[in-house]
Amino acid sequence: MAIILRLDRMMADRKISLNELAEKVGIANVNLSKIKTGKISAIRFSTLDAICDALDCQPGEILEYKREAAEKKL
């Protein structure tokens, strides 16, 4: 996938645990863990909004686009 999640990096920068962020965002630890590890195919804007609010960051600090090799040929 060309979208890379950098939530783990942002959490480390902010020195916030998974449990603490999950509580602030209002989602289950297991769901936040899936977001953190990139094992998701979609994220709700409301969840992204809550994460950005809790971490005081912009969506672009959490999401990164990296063109895949096959796409470069187009």
Protein backbone atom coordinates (compact mmCIF):
# COMPACT_ATOMS: atom_id res chain seq x y z
CA MET A 1 0.00 0.00 0.00
CA ALA A 2 1.24 3.48 -0.80
CA ILE A 3 -0.10 5.08 2.41
CA ILE A 4 2.15 4.67 5.44
CA LEU A 5 0.89 5.33 8.95
CA ARG A 6 3.34 7.11 11.26
CA LEU A 7 1.22 6.99 14.40
CA ASP A 8 3.88 5.05 16.29
CA ARG A 9 6.44 7.78 15.61
CA MET A 10 4.04 10.54 16.64
CA MET A 11 3.14 8.69 19.86
CA ALA A 12 6.83 8.28 20.71
CA ASP A 13 7.48 11.98 20.02
CA ARG A 14 4.59 12.94 22.31
CA LYS A 15 5.52 10.29 24.91
CA ILE A 16 2.00 8.91 25.05
CA SER A 17 1.09 5.26 25.54
CA LEU A 18 -1.35 3.26 23.47
CA ASN A 19 -3.72 2.97 26.43
CA GLU A 20 -3.63 6.70 27.16
CA LEU A 21 -4.23 7.66 23.53
CA ALA A 22 -7.03 5.10 23.16
CA GLU A 23 -8.75 6.61 26.19
CA LYS A 24 -8.38 10.17 24.87
CA VAL A 25 -9.61 9.20 21.40
CA GLY A 26 -12.42 7.01 22.67
CA ILE A 27 -11.64 3.83 20.77
CA ALA A 28 -10.63 0.35 21.89
CA ASN A 29 -6.94 -0.41 22.43
CA VAL A 30 -7.07 -3.20 19.87
CA ASN A 31 -8.42 -0.86 17.18
CA LEU A 32 -5.84 1.81 17.94
CA SER A 33 -3.14 -0.88 17.88
CA LYS A 34 -4.24 -1.88 14.36
CA ILE A 35 -3.99 1.75 13.26
CA LYS A 36 -0.57 2.07 14.89
CA THR A 37 0.78 -1.04 13.15
CA GLY A 38 -0.80 -0.17 9.79
CA LYS A 39 -3.03 -3.25 9.73
CA ILE A 40 -6.05 -1.30 8.51
CA SER A 41 -7.39 -0.47 5.09
CA ALA A 42 -9.43 2.57 6.12
CA ILE A 43 -9.77 5.11 8.90
CA ARG A 44 -12.75 7.30 9.67
CA PHE A 45 -12.21 11.03 9.50
CA SER A 46 -13.76 11.33 12.95
CA THR A 47 -11.13 8.93 14.33
CA LEU A 48 -8.32 10.76 12.53
CA ASP A 49 -9.70 14.04 13.87
CA ALA A 50 -9.73 12.71 17.43
CA ILE A 51 -6.18 11.35 17.10
CA CYS A 52 -4.89 14.66 15.74
CA ASP A 53 -6.67 16.53 18.53
CA ALA A 54 -5.21 14.27 21.22
CA LEU A 55 -1.68 14.45 19.77
CA ASP A 56 -1.90 18.12 18.76
CA CYS A 57 -0.76 17.36 15.22
CA GLN A 58 -1.82 17.55 11.59
CA PRO A 59 -3.03 14.51 9.56
CA GLY A 60 0.06 14.84 7.36
CA GLU A 61 2.23 14.10 10.38
CA ILE A 62 0.51 10.73 10.77
CA LEU A 63 -0.13 9.78 7.14
CA GLU A 64 2.57 9.57 4.48
CA TYR A 65 2.23 8.78 0.78
CA LYS A 66 5.00 6.75 -0.80
CA ARG A 67 4.73 5.94 -4.48
CA GLU A 68 5.22 2.25 -5.17
CA ALA A 69 7.74 1.16 -7.80
CA ALA A 70 5.09 -0.14 -10.22
CA GLU A 71 3.22 3.17 -10.10
CA LYS A 72 6.31 5.19 -11.06
CA LYS A 73 6.29 3.70 -14.58
CA LEU A 74 2.90 5.17 -15.37
